[in-house]
Amino acid sequence: MNDTAAQYVAEFLDGPLEGDFEHRALVGGKTESRVGMVAAVDGLESLFWYDAVDEREVNGQLRVRFRFDAGDSDPVESDEENA
């Protein structure tokens, strides 16, 4: 089985992960409609949610673009009280 056939490339359009790309596994043969990503902001781990906006094939590779969901994500601003 070809490993790339079971994967897609996630492209993050905005938010804290803007411009990042990640190879992700297909789930049940399909792309995900929503992904949670953990990233460090000012040294603190934060959970960021992204929603799929479209998918397309580029050079034989499936790509899905994701948009940041600020309302469901941890705040991006640093906490000045704990600094």
Protein backbone atom coordinates (compact mmCIF):
# COMPACT_ATOMS: atom_id res chain seq x y z
CA MET A 1 0.00 0.00 0.00
CA ASN A 2 1.27 3.45 -0.88
CA ASP A 3 1.63 5.53 2.32
CA THR A 4 0.91 8.81 0.54
CA ALA A 5 -2.48 7.46 -0.58
CA ALA A 6 -3.56 7.35 3.08
CA GLN A 7 -2.39 10.91 3.78
CA TYR A 8 -3.21 14.47 2.92
CA VAL A 9 -1.49 17.81 3.45
CA ALA A 10 -3.13 20.27 5.85
CA GLU A 11 -2.46 23.94 5.08
CA PHE A 12 -3.17 26.46 7.87
CA LEU A 13 -4.36 29.76 6.39
CA ASP A 14 -4.41 32.01 9.45
CA GLY A 15 -4.14 32.14 13.23
CA PRO A 16 -1.09 31.06 15.22
CA LEU A 17 -0.15 28.36 12.68
CA GLU A 18 -0.54 30.60 9.60
CA GLY A 19 1.60 29.34 6.72
CA ASP A 20 2.33 25.94 8.29
CA PHE A 21 1.80 22.65 6.45
CA GLU A 22 1.43 19.20 7.99
CA HIS A 23 1.03 15.68 6.61
CA ARG A 24 -2.00 14.06 8.24
CA ALA A 25 -3.54 10.61 7.98
CA LEU A 26 -6.92 10.09 6.37
CA VAL A 27 -9.51 8.98 8.93
CA GLY A 28 -11.79 6.30 7.55
CA GLY A 29 -10.49 7.18 4.09
CA LYS A 30 -11.56 10.81 4.44
CA THR A 31 -10.00 14.12 5.39
CA GLU A 32 -10.87 15.74 8.70
CA SER A 33 -13.34 18.60 8.81
CA ARG A 34 -11.91 19.96 12.10
CA VAL A 35 -8.51 19.56 13.73
CA GLY A 36 -7.12 20.54 17.11
CA MET A 37 -3.48 21.58 17.15
CA VAL A 38 -1.26 22.10 20.20
CA ALA A 39 1.43 24.78 19.90
CA ALA A 40 3.53 26.81 22.32
CA VAL A 41 2.81 30.54 22.57
CA ASP A 42 5.09 32.51 24.88
CA GLY A 43 6.30 29.19 26.33
CA LEU A 44 2.81 27.95 27.22
CA GLU A 45 1.08 25.12 25.37
CA SER A 46 -2.21 26.18 23.83
CA LEU A 47 -4.93 24.30 21.93
CA PHE A 48 -5.98 25.81 18.61
CA TRP A 49 -8.96 24.61 16.56
CA TYR A 50 -9.07 24.80 12.78
CA ASP A 51 -11.98 24.07 10.40
CA ALA A 52 -11.59 22.79 6.83
CA VAL A 53 -12.65 25.30 4.19
CA ASP A 54 -11.84 23.39 1.00
CA GLU A 55 -9.83 20.55 -0.48
CA ARG A 56 -8.08 20.13 -3.80
CA GLU A 57 -5.48 18.02 -5.53
CA VAL A 58 -2.07 19.57 -6.23
CA ASN A 59 0.45 17.55 -8.25
CA GLY A 60 -1.37 14.33 -7.35
CA GLN A 61 -1.43 15.15 -3.63
CA LEU A 62 -4.62 15.85 -1.67
CA ARG A 63 -4.50 19.20 0.17
CA VAL A 64 -6.99 20.65 2.64
CA ARG A 65 -6.99 24.29 3.70
CA PHE A 66 -7.95 25.06 7.31
CA ARG A 67 -9.16 28.34 8.85
CA PHE A 68 -8.54 29.29 12.51
CA ASP A 69 -11.51 29.14 14.93
CA ALA A 70 -10.55 31.77 17.51
CA GLY A 71 -13.79 31.35 19.48
CA ASP A 72 -13.11 27.72 20.40
CA SER A 73 -9.33 28.05 20.74
CA ASP A 74 -7.20 29.04 23.70
CA PRO A 75 -6.41 32.78 23.78
CA VAL A 76 -3.36 33.76 21.73
CA GLU A 77 -2.42 36.76 23.91
CA SER A 78 0.11 36.12 26.64
CA ASP A 79 -1.05 36.31 30.25
CA GLU A 80 0.72 39.37 31.71
CA GLU A 81 -0.23 38.42 35.31
CA ASN A 82 1.90 35.27 35.15
CA ALA A 83 4.86 36.94 33.43
